[in-house]
N, C-alpha and C. Protein backbone atom coordinates (compact mmCIF):
# COMPACT_ATOMS: atom_id res chain seq x y z
N UNK A 1 0.82 -1.20 0.00
CA UNK A 1 0.00 0.00 0.00
C UNK A 1 0.86 1.26 0.00
N UNK A 2 2.08 1.15 0.54
CA UNK A 2 2.94 2.33 0.56
C UNK A 2 3.35 2.75 -0.85
N UNK A 3 3.32 1.83 -1.81
CA UNK A 3 3.67 2.18 -3.19
C UNK A 3 2.54 2.89 -3.93
N UNK A 4 1.31 2.81 -3.39
CA UNK A 4 0.17 3.47 -4.04
C UNK A 4 -0.45 4.50 -3.10
N UNK A 5 0.34 5.04 -2.20
CA UNK A 5 -0.08 6.08 -1.27
C UNK A 5 -1.33 5.68 -0.47
N UNK A 6 -1.42 4.41 -0.11
CA UNK A 6 -2.52 3.89 0.72
C UNK A 6 -3.88 4.20 0.13
N UNK A 7 -3.98 4.10 -1.20
CA UNK A 7 -5.20 4.42 -1.91
C UNK A 7 -6.28 3.37 -1.69
N UNK A 8 -7.43 3.81 -1.21
CA UNK A 8 -8.57 2.93 -1.01
C UNK A 8 -9.08 2.40 -2.34
N UNK A 9 -9.07 3.23 -3.37
CA UNK A 9 -9.55 2.81 -4.69
C UNK A 9 -8.68 1.68 -5.26
N UNK A 10 -7.36 1.80 -5.11
CA UNK A 10 -6.46 0.76 -5.61
C UNK A 10 -6.67 -0.54 -4.83
N UNK A 11 -6.82 -0.42 -3.52
CA UNK A 11 -7.06 -1.60 -2.69
C UNK A 11 -8.37 -2.29 -3.09
N UNK A 12 -9.43 -1.53 -3.27
CA UNK A 12 -10.72 -2.12 -3.67
C UNK A 12 -10.62 -2.81 -5.02
N UNK A 13 -9.92 -2.18 -5.97
CA UNK A 13 -9.76 -2.77 -7.30
C UNK A 13 -8.95 -4.06 -7.23
N UNK A 14 -7.87 -4.07 -6.45
CA UNK A 14 -7.04 -5.27 -6.33
C UNK A 14 -7.81 -6.39 -5.62
N UNK A 15 -8.60 -6.06 -4.61
CA UNK A 15 -9.41 -7.06 -3.91
C UNK A 15 -10.43 -7.68 -4.85
N UNK A 16 -11.09 -6.83 -5.64
CA UNK A 16 -12.09 -7.33 -6.60
C UNK A 16 -11.42 -8.20 -7.66
N UNK A 17 -10.22 -7.79 -8.14
CA UNK A 17 -9.50 -8.58 -9.13
C UNK A 17 -9.14 -9.96 -8.57
N UNK A 18 -8.71 -10.00 -7.31
CA UNK A 18 -8.36 -11.30 -6.72
C UNK A 18 -9.60 -12.18 -6.57
N UNK A 19 -10.71 -11.60 -6.11
CA UNK A 19 -11.95 -12.37 -5.98
C UNK A 19 -12.36 -12.97 -7.32
N UNK A 20 -12.26 -12.17 -8.39
CA UNK A 20 -12.62 -12.66 -9.71
C UNK A 20 -11.66 -13.77 -10.17
N UNK A 21 -10.38 -13.59 -9.91
CA UNK A 21 -9.39 -14.59 -10.27
C UNK A 21 -9.64 -15.90 -9.52
N UNK A 22 -9.85 -15.82 -8.22
CA UNK A 22 -10.09 -17.02 -7.40
C UNK A 22 -11.34 -17.75 -7.88
N UNK A 23 -12.37 -17.02 -8.24
CA UNK A 23 -13.60 -17.65 -8.73
C UNK A 23 -13.37 -18.30 -10.09
N UNK A 24 -12.63 -17.65 -10.97
CA UNK A 24 -12.42 -18.19 -12.31
C UNK A 24 -11.49 -19.41 -12.30
N UNK A 25 -10.58 -19.47 -11.38
CA UNK A 25 -9.63 -20.58 -11.30
C UNK A 25 -10.16 -21.74 -10.46
N UNK A 26 -11.33 -21.54 -9.87
CA UNK A 26 -11.93 -22.57 -9.02
C UNK A 26 -10.95 -23.07 -7.98
N UNK A 27 -10.37 -22.12 -7.23
CA UNK A 27 -9.37 -22.43 -6.22
C UNK A 27 -9.98 -23.03 -4.96
N UNK A 28 -11.27 -22.94 -4.80
CA UNK A 28 -11.90 -23.46 -3.59
C UNK A 28 -11.75 -22.52 -2.41
N UNK A 29 -11.37 -21.28 -2.66
CA UNK A 29 -11.24 -20.30 -1.59
C UNK A 29 -12.64 -19.83 -1.22
N UNK A 30 -13.01 -20.04 0.04
CA UNK A 30 -14.36 -19.70 0.45
C UNK A 30 -14.42 -18.39 1.23
N UNK A 31 -13.49 -18.18 2.09
CA UNK A 31 -13.52 -16.99 2.95
C UNK A 31 -12.24 -16.19 2.77
N UNK A 32 -12.02 -15.68 1.56
CA UNK A 32 -10.81 -14.90 1.36
C UNK A 32 -10.92 -13.55 2.04
N UNK A 33 -9.78 -13.02 2.42
CA UNK A 33 -9.72 -11.74 3.12
C UNK A 33 -8.52 -10.98 2.59
N UNK A 34 -8.74 -9.77 2.14
CA UNK A 34 -7.64 -8.93 1.67
C UNK A 34 -7.30 -7.91 2.75
N UNK A 35 -6.02 -7.58 2.85
CA UNK A 35 -5.54 -6.65 3.87
C UNK A 35 -4.69 -5.58 3.22
N UNK A 36 -4.91 -4.32 3.54
CA UNK A 36 -4.04 -3.26 3.02
C UNK A 36 -2.79 -3.16 3.90
N UNK A 37 -1.69 -3.77 3.46
CA UNK A 37 -0.48 -3.78 4.27
C UNK A 37 0.63 -2.98 3.60
N UNK A 38 1.55 -2.53 4.41
CA UNK A 38 2.70 -1.79 3.92
C UNK A 38 3.93 -2.69 4.00
N UNK A 39 4.61 -2.83 2.87
CA UNK A 39 5.83 -3.63 2.85
C UNK A 39 6.96 -2.92 3.59
N UNK A 40 6.94 -1.62 3.56
CA UNK A 40 8.01 -0.84 4.18
C UNK A 40 7.91 -0.82 5.69
N UNK A 41 6.71 -0.57 6.22
CA UNK A 41 6.57 -0.38 7.66
C UNK A 41 5.75 -1.47 8.36
N UNK A 42 5.22 -2.40 7.61
CA UNK A 42 4.44 -3.47 8.22
C UNK A 42 3.07 -3.02 8.71
N UNK A 43 2.56 -1.93 8.15
CA UNK A 43 1.25 -1.43 8.56
C UNK A 43 0.18 -2.51 8.38
N UNK A 44 -0.68 -2.66 9.36
CA UNK A 44 -1.81 -3.58 9.38
C UNK A 44 -1.39 -5.05 9.40
N UNK A 45 -0.12 -5.33 9.58
CA UNK A 45 0.31 -6.74 9.72
C UNK A 45 0.05 -7.22 11.14
N UNK A 46 0.55 -6.47 12.11
CA UNK A 46 0.36 -6.84 13.51
C UNK A 46 -0.66 -5.92 14.17
N UNK A 47 -0.56 -4.64 13.90
CA UNK A 47 -1.51 -3.68 14.47
C UNK A 47 -2.05 -2.80 13.35
N UNK A 48 -3.26 -2.30 13.56
CA UNK A 48 -3.85 -1.38 12.58
C UNK A 48 -3.13 -0.05 12.68
N UNK A 49 -2.99 0.61 11.53
CA UNK A 49 -2.23 1.86 11.48
C UNK A 49 -3.09 2.99 10.92
N UNK A 50 -2.77 4.23 11.25
CA UNK A 50 -3.59 5.37 10.82
C UNK A 50 -3.51 5.69 9.33
N UNK A 51 -2.58 5.08 8.58
CA UNK A 51 -2.47 5.36 7.14
C UNK A 51 -3.66 4.84 6.36
N UNK A 52 -4.47 3.96 6.97
CA UNK A 52 -5.63 3.39 6.27
C UNK A 52 -6.89 3.58 7.12
N UNK A 53 -7.30 4.82 7.34
CA UNK A 53 -8.50 5.05 8.17
C UNK A 53 -9.77 4.50 7.52
N UNK A 54 -9.76 4.31 6.22
CA UNK A 54 -10.91 3.78 5.49
C UNK A 54 -11.07 2.27 5.67
N UNK A 55 -10.03 1.59 6.15
CA UNK A 55 -10.08 0.14 6.32
C UNK A 55 -10.66 -0.20 7.69
N UNK A 56 -11.76 -0.93 7.72
CA UNK A 56 -12.45 -1.24 8.97
C UNK A 56 -12.15 -2.66 9.49
N UNK A 57 -11.40 -3.45 8.73
CA UNK A 57 -11.13 -4.83 9.13
C UNK A 57 -10.02 -4.94 10.17
N UNK A 58 -9.65 -6.18 10.47
CA UNK A 58 -8.61 -6.48 11.44
C UNK A 58 -7.23 -6.45 10.80
N UNK A 59 -6.20 -6.47 11.65
CA UNK A 59 -4.84 -6.66 11.14
C UNK A 59 -4.70 -8.12 10.70
N UNK A 60 -3.65 -8.41 9.96
CA UNK A 60 -3.44 -9.78 9.48
C UNK A 60 -3.32 -10.74 10.67
N UNK A 61 -2.52 -10.37 11.67
CA UNK A 61 -2.33 -11.25 12.82
C UNK A 61 -3.63 -11.46 13.59
N UNK A 62 -4.37 -10.40 13.82
CA UNK A 62 -5.65 -10.55 14.54
C UNK A 62 -6.59 -11.47 13.77
N UNK A 63 -6.61 -11.35 12.45
CA UNK A 63 -7.46 -12.22 11.65
C UNK A 63 -7.01 -13.68 11.74
N UNK A 64 -5.69 -13.91 11.62
CA UNK A 64 -5.18 -15.28 11.67
C UNK A 64 -5.46 -15.96 13.01
N UNK A 65 -5.50 -15.17 14.07
CA UNK A 65 -5.78 -15.74 15.39
C UNK A 65 -7.23 -16.16 15.55
N UNK A 66 -8.09 -15.72 14.65
CA UNK A 66 -9.52 -16.08 14.75
C UNK A 66 -9.98 -17.03 13.65
N UNK A 67 -9.09 -17.43 12.75
CA UNK A 67 -9.48 -18.32 11.67
C UNK A 67 -9.79 -19.70 12.25
N UNK A 68 -10.98 -20.22 12.01
CA UNK A 68 -11.31 -21.55 12.54
C UNK A 68 -10.61 -22.63 11.72
N UNK A 69 -9.78 -23.42 12.38
CA UNK A 69 -9.08 -24.48 11.67
C UNK A 69 -9.48 -25.87 12.15
N UNK A 70 -10.24 -25.96 13.22
CA UNK A 70 -10.59 -27.26 13.79
C UNK A 70 -11.34 -28.14 12.79
N UNK A 71 -12.18 -27.56 11.96
CA UNK A 71 -12.94 -28.37 11.03
C UNK A 71 -12.17 -28.65 9.74
N UNK A 72 -10.94 -28.19 9.63
CA UNK A 72 -10.16 -28.40 8.42
C UNK A 72 -9.30 -29.65 8.48
N UNK A 73 -9.49 -30.51 9.47
CA UNK A 73 -8.66 -31.70 9.60
C UNK A 73 -9.02 -32.74 8.55
N UNK A 74 -8.02 -33.23 7.87
CA UNK A 74 -8.20 -34.30 6.89
C UNK A 74 -8.16 -35.61 7.67
N UNK A 75 -9.29 -36.27 7.78
CA UNK A 75 -9.36 -37.51 8.54
C UNK A 75 -9.22 -38.74 7.65
N UNK A 76 -8.94 -38.52 6.37
CA UNK A 76 -8.88 -39.64 5.43
C UNK A 76 -7.46 -40.14 5.20
N UNK A 77 -6.53 -39.25 4.95
CA UNK A 77 -5.16 -39.62 4.56
C UNK A 77 -4.24 -39.54 5.77
N UNK A 78 -3.95 -40.68 6.41
CA UNK A 78 -3.13 -40.71 7.61
C UNK A 78 -1.68 -40.34 7.31
N UNK A 79 -1.18 -39.36 8.07
CA UNK A 79 0.21 -38.93 7.97
C UNK A 79 0.73 -38.70 9.39
N UNK A 80 1.84 -39.36 9.72
CA UNK A 80 2.41 -39.28 11.06
C UNK A 80 3.92 -39.09 10.95
N UNK A 81 4.38 -37.83 11.04
CA UNK A 81 5.82 -37.60 11.03
C UNK A 81 6.43 -38.02 12.37
N UNK A 82 7.40 -38.91 12.33
CA UNK A 82 8.03 -39.40 13.55
C UNK A 82 8.97 -38.33 14.09
N UNK A 83 8.70 -37.90 15.32
CA UNK A 83 9.51 -36.86 15.93
C UNK A 83 10.56 -37.43 16.88
N UNK A 84 10.28 -38.63 17.42
CA UNK A 84 11.18 -39.18 18.41
C UNK A 84 10.97 -40.69 18.50
N UNK A 85 12.05 -41.45 18.59
CA UNK A 85 11.96 -42.89 18.78
C UNK A 85 12.20 -43.17 20.26
N UNK A 86 11.23 -43.84 20.90
CA UNK A 86 11.31 -44.11 22.33
C UNK A 86 11.68 -45.58 22.52
N UNK A 87 12.80 -45.82 23.18
CA UNK A 87 13.27 -47.19 23.40
C UNK A 87 13.86 -47.27 24.81
N UNK A 88 12.98 -47.28 25.85
CA UNK A 88 13.50 -47.31 27.22
C UNK A 88 14.11 -48.66 27.60
N UNK A 89 13.67 -49.74 26.91
CA UNK A 89 14.23 -51.08 27.15
C UNK A 89 14.02 -51.91 25.89
N UNK A 90 14.49 -53.15 25.92
CA UNK A 90 14.40 -53.99 24.73
C UNK A 90 12.99 -54.45 24.41
N UNK A 91 12.07 -54.30 25.37
CA UNK A 91 10.69 -54.75 25.17
C UNK A 91 9.77 -53.66 24.63
N UNK A 92 10.26 -52.45 24.51
CA UNK A 92 9.39 -51.34 24.09
C UNK A 92 10.11 -50.52 23.03
N UNK A 93 9.43 -50.31 21.92
CA UNK A 93 9.92 -49.41 20.87
C UNK A 93 8.73 -48.66 20.32
N UNK A 94 8.69 -47.37 20.59
CA UNK A 94 7.58 -46.55 20.14
C UNK A 94 8.06 -45.38 19.31
N UNK A 95 7.16 -44.89 18.49
CA UNK A 95 7.46 -43.76 17.61
C UNK A 95 6.53 -42.62 17.98
N UNK A 96 7.10 -41.57 18.54
CA UNK A 96 6.32 -40.46 19.07
C UNK A 96 6.21 -39.35 18.04
N UNK A 97 5.06 -38.69 18.07
CA UNK A 97 4.83 -37.55 17.19
C UNK A 97 3.40 -37.09 17.28
N UNK A 98 3.06 -36.17 16.42
CA UNK A 98 1.70 -35.63 16.36
C UNK A 98 1.06 -36.08 15.05
N UNK A 99 -0.15 -36.60 15.14
CA UNK A 99 -0.85 -37.02 13.93
C UNK A 99 -1.12 -35.76 13.10
N UNK A 100 -0.50 -35.69 11.95
CA UNK A 100 -0.64 -34.51 11.10
C UNK A 100 -1.92 -34.55 10.28
N UNK A 101 -2.32 -35.75 9.88
CA UNK A 101 -3.54 -35.91 9.09
C UNK A 101 -4.09 -37.30 9.35
N UNK A 102 -5.39 -37.43 9.26
CA UNK A 102 -6.01 -38.74 9.26
C UNK A 102 -6.26 -39.37 10.61
N UNK A 103 -6.62 -40.66 10.54
CA UNK A 103 -6.94 -41.47 11.71
C UNK A 103 -6.18 -42.77 11.58
N UNK A 104 -5.68 -43.30 12.71
CA UNK A 104 -5.00 -44.59 12.70
C UNK A 104 -5.58 -45.46 13.81
N UNK A 105 -5.75 -46.73 13.50
CA UNK A 105 -6.22 -47.72 14.48
C UNK A 105 -5.21 -48.85 14.46
N UNK A 106 -5.65 -50.07 14.25
CA UNK A 106 -4.74 -51.20 14.12
C UNK A 106 -4.36 -51.43 12.68
N UNK A 107 -4.17 -50.36 11.94
CA UNK A 107 -3.97 -50.42 10.50
C UNK A 107 -2.57 -50.86 10.10
N UNK A 108 -2.46 -51.29 8.87
CA UNK A 108 -1.17 -51.57 8.27
C UNK A 108 -0.61 -50.22 7.81
N UNK A 109 0.64 -49.94 8.20
CA UNK A 109 1.26 -48.68 7.85
C UNK A 109 2.59 -48.94 7.15
N UNK A 110 3.05 -47.94 6.44
CA UNK A 110 4.33 -48.00 5.74
C UNK A 110 5.18 -46.84 6.25
N UNK A 111 6.45 -47.11 6.47
CA UNK A 111 7.40 -46.08 6.87
C UNK A 111 8.05 -45.52 5.61
N UNK A 112 7.97 -44.22 5.46
CA UNK A 112 8.60 -43.57 4.31
C UNK A 112 9.82 -42.80 4.79
N UNK A 113 10.92 -42.85 4.10
CA UNK A 113 11.04 -43.23 2.70
C UNK A 113 11.43 -44.69 2.46
N UNK A 114 11.63 -45.50 3.50
CA UNK A 114 12.14 -46.86 3.30
C UNK A 114 11.14 -47.77 2.58
N UNK A 115 9.83 -47.55 2.79
CA UNK A 115 8.83 -48.40 2.17
C UNK A 115 8.54 -49.68 2.95
N UNK A 116 9.15 -49.86 4.12
CA UNK A 116 8.90 -51.04 4.95
C UNK A 116 7.55 -50.90 5.64
N UNK A 117 6.86 -52.03 5.82
CA UNK A 117 5.53 -51.95 6.41
C UNK A 117 5.39 -52.83 7.64
N UNK A 118 4.41 -52.50 8.45
CA UNK A 118 4.05 -53.26 9.64
C UNK A 118 2.64 -52.87 10.01
N UNK A 119 2.13 -53.51 11.03
CA UNK A 119 0.78 -53.22 11.52
C UNK A 119 0.89 -52.51 12.86
N UNK A 120 -0.01 -51.57 13.12
CA UNK A 120 -0.01 -50.85 14.39
C UNK A 120 -0.43 -51.82 15.49
N UNK A 121 0.45 -51.97 16.47
CA UNK A 121 0.20 -52.87 17.60
C UNK A 121 -0.53 -52.13 18.71
N UNK A 122 -0.12 -50.89 18.98
CA UNK A 122 -0.74 -50.11 20.06
C UNK A 122 -0.49 -48.63 19.83
N UNK A 123 -1.37 -47.83 20.43
CA UNK A 123 -1.24 -46.37 20.40
C UNK A 123 -1.22 -45.92 21.85
N UNK A 124 -0.11 -45.32 22.27
CA UNK A 124 0.06 -44.93 23.67
C UNK A 124 0.01 -43.43 23.85
N UNK A 125 -0.56 -43.03 24.99
CA UNK A 125 -0.50 -41.66 25.49
C UNK A 125 -0.14 -41.76 26.97
N UNK A 126 0.06 -40.65 27.62
CA UNK A 126 0.45 -40.65 29.02
C UNK A 126 -0.54 -41.42 29.88
N UNK A 127 -1.82 -41.27 29.59
CA UNK A 127 -2.87 -41.90 30.40
C UNK A 127 -3.03 -43.38 30.14
N UNK A 128 -2.46 -43.92 29.07
CA UNK A 128 -2.59 -45.33 28.74
C UNK A 128 -2.72 -45.54 27.24
N UNK A 129 -3.36 -46.64 26.84
CA UNK A 129 -3.52 -46.97 25.42
C UNK A 129 -4.82 -46.40 24.87
N UNK A 130 -4.78 -46.07 23.58
CA UNK A 130 -5.96 -45.62 22.85
C UNK A 130 -6.32 -46.65 21.79
N UNK A 131 -7.59 -46.71 21.43
CA UNK A 131 -8.02 -47.57 20.33
C UNK A 131 -7.68 -46.96 18.98
N UNK A 132 -7.69 -45.61 18.94
CA UNK A 132 -7.38 -44.91 17.70
C UNK A 132 -6.81 -43.54 18.03
N UNK A 133 -6.13 -42.95 17.06
CA UNK A 133 -5.59 -41.60 17.20
C UNK A 133 -5.93 -40.82 15.94
N UNK A 134 -6.13 -39.52 16.10
CA UNK A 134 -6.52 -38.69 14.96
C UNK A 134 -5.91 -37.31 15.12
N UNK A 135 -5.99 -36.55 14.05
CA UNK A 135 -5.47 -35.19 14.02
C UNK A 135 -6.09 -34.37 15.13
N UNK A 136 -5.41 -33.61 15.91
CA UNK A 136 -3.98 -33.35 16.01
C UNK A 136 -3.35 -33.98 17.25
N UNK A 137 -3.74 -35.16 17.62
CA UNK A 137 -3.25 -35.78 18.85
C UNK A 137 -1.75 -36.10 18.79
N UNK A 138 -1.10 -35.94 19.93
CA UNK A 138 0.28 -36.36 20.08
C UNK A 138 0.27 -37.73 20.75
N UNK A 139 0.86 -38.71 20.10
CA UNK A 139 0.79 -40.10 20.56
C UNK A 139 2.13 -40.79 20.31
N UNK A 140 2.23 -42.00 20.85
CA UNK A 140 3.34 -42.89 20.55
C UNK A 140 2.75 -44.14 19.92
N UNK A 141 3.24 -44.49 18.75
CA UNK A 141 2.74 -45.65 18.02
C UNK A 141 3.75 -46.78 18.14
N UNK A 142 3.26 -47.96 18.53
CA UNK A 142 4.09 -49.17 18.55
C UNK A 142 3.65 -50.07 17.40
N UNK A 143 4.62 -50.69 16.76
CA UNK A 143 4.35 -51.56 15.62
C UNK A 143 4.58 -53.02 15.99
N UNK A 144 3.93 -53.93 15.26
CA UNK A 144 4.07 -55.36 15.52
C UNK A 144 5.45 -55.88 15.13
N UNK A 145 6.03 -55.31 14.07
CA UNK A 145 7.32 -55.78 13.57
C UNK A 145 8.42 -54.78 13.87
N UNK A 146 9.64 -55.27 13.98
CA UNK A 146 10.81 -54.41 14.18
C UNK A 146 11.29 -53.93 12.82
N UNK A 147 10.72 -52.84 12.36
CA UNK A 147 11.21 -52.27 11.09
C UNK A 147 11.98 -51.00 11.42
N UNK A 148 12.86 -50.61 10.54
CA UNK A 148 13.70 -49.45 10.78
C UNK A 148 12.89 -48.17 10.53
N UNK A 149 12.59 -47.48 11.61
CA UNK A 149 11.90 -46.20 11.54
C UNK A 149 12.73 -45.22 12.35
N UNK A 150 13.02 -44.08 11.78
CA UNK A 150 13.86 -43.08 12.44
C UNK A 150 13.14 -41.75 12.53
N UNK A 151 13.70 -40.87 13.33
CA UNK A 151 13.18 -39.51 13.41
C UNK A 151 13.21 -38.89 12.02
N UNK A 152 12.10 -38.26 11.66
CA UNK A 152 12.00 -37.64 10.35
C UNK A 152 11.28 -38.50 9.33
N UNK A 153 11.12 -39.80 9.63
CA UNK A 153 10.36 -40.67 8.74
C UNK A 153 8.87 -40.36 8.87
N UNK A 154 8.09 -40.84 7.92
CA UNK A 154 6.66 -40.62 7.91
C UNK A 154 5.95 -41.96 7.88
N UNK A 155 4.99 -42.16 8.81
CA UNK A 155 4.14 -43.34 8.76
C UNK A 155 2.85 -42.97 8.04
N UNK A 156 2.45 -43.82 7.08
CA UNK A 156 1.24 -43.59 6.30
C UNK A 156 0.50 -44.91 6.16
N UNK A 157 -0.78 -44.84 5.88
CA UNK A 157 -1.54 -46.07 5.62
C UNK A 157 -0.95 -46.78 4.40
N UNK A 158 -0.88 -48.10 4.48
CA UNK A 158 -0.32 -48.87 3.37
C UNK A 158 -1.15 -48.73 2.10
N UNK A 159 -2.44 -48.52 2.23
CA UNK A 159 -3.32 -48.41 1.05
C UNK A 159 -3.38 -46.98 0.50
N UNK A 160 -2.64 -46.06 1.11
CA UNK A 160 -2.72 -44.65 0.72
C UNK A 160 -1.35 -44.09 0.36
N UNK A 161 -0.56 -44.88 -0.35
CA UNK A 161 0.76 -44.41 -0.78
C UNK A 161 0.62 -43.59 -2.04
N UNK A 162 1.45 -42.61 -2.15
CA UNK A 162 1.49 -41.80 -3.37
C UNK A 162 2.91 -41.85 -3.88
N UNK A 163 3.08 -41.83 -5.17
CA UNK A 163 4.43 -41.83 -5.72
C UNK A 163 4.71 -40.49 -6.35
N UNK A 164 5.96 -40.09 -6.25
CA UNK A 164 6.43 -38.89 -6.93
C UNK A 164 7.20 -39.37 -8.15
N UNK A 165 6.78 -38.95 -9.28
CA UNK A 165 7.43 -39.41 -10.51
C UNK A 165 8.71 -38.63 -10.74
N UNK A 166 9.82 -39.34 -10.69
CA UNK A 166 11.12 -38.77 -11.04
C UNK A 166 11.39 -39.15 -12.49
N UNK A 167 12.34 -38.53 -13.13
CA UNK A 167 12.60 -38.86 -14.53
C UNK A 167 12.82 -40.34 -14.79
N UNK A 168 13.52 -41.04 -13.87
CA UNK A 168 13.82 -42.44 -14.16
C UNK A 168 13.12 -43.41 -13.22
N UNK A 169 13.03 -43.09 -11.94
CA UNK A 169 12.42 -44.03 -10.99
C UNK A 169 11.45 -43.31 -10.08
N UNK A 170 10.27 -43.89 -9.86
CA UNK A 170 9.34 -43.26 -8.92
C UNK A 170 9.80 -43.50 -7.49
N UNK A 171 9.54 -42.55 -6.62
CA UNK A 171 9.89 -42.67 -5.21
C UNK A 171 8.64 -42.44 -4.39
N UNK A 172 8.64 -42.92 -3.16
CA UNK A 172 7.48 -42.74 -2.29
C UNK A 172 7.41 -41.32 -1.79
N UNK A 173 6.22 -40.82 -1.70
CA UNK A 173 5.98 -39.49 -1.17
C UNK A 173 4.97 -39.59 -0.05
N UNK A 174 5.00 -38.65 0.88
CA UNK A 174 4.00 -38.63 1.95
C UNK A 174 2.77 -37.98 1.47
């Protein structure tokens, strides 16, 4: 906005142009929000500033703090980035992390990028075992088989693998 002297007319025209573009491209954007911000001074990014008295909306940060995200959880495609391997003794090996997407029960899962698979034996939390885990729970997953899973690997449902096509060989993707 600092490049156009905080012009309300320019802001309105750019907002309308974006709305038309989003509708024509079928982006699936339902609740778009435009903000008159200054690249130079950060106006309206964190706090509202007097350079835009015509703007009645919130700052970008205030808006982001109110965006409802709870209903945006993908419960179909299970994704579990392993954050920590827990091995307190030889009888216990768990993979701790936060369920990023989906739901897991006693499902067959694959560790990426290795492609090795096993079945979920148990899902642990501090209070005990769970029958299932879903977004955004933090859990520890134990597997039936001793497969090599390390921090940074991704556990996914075996039936929901996607491949990334490389020029010569496809590789597993999360």
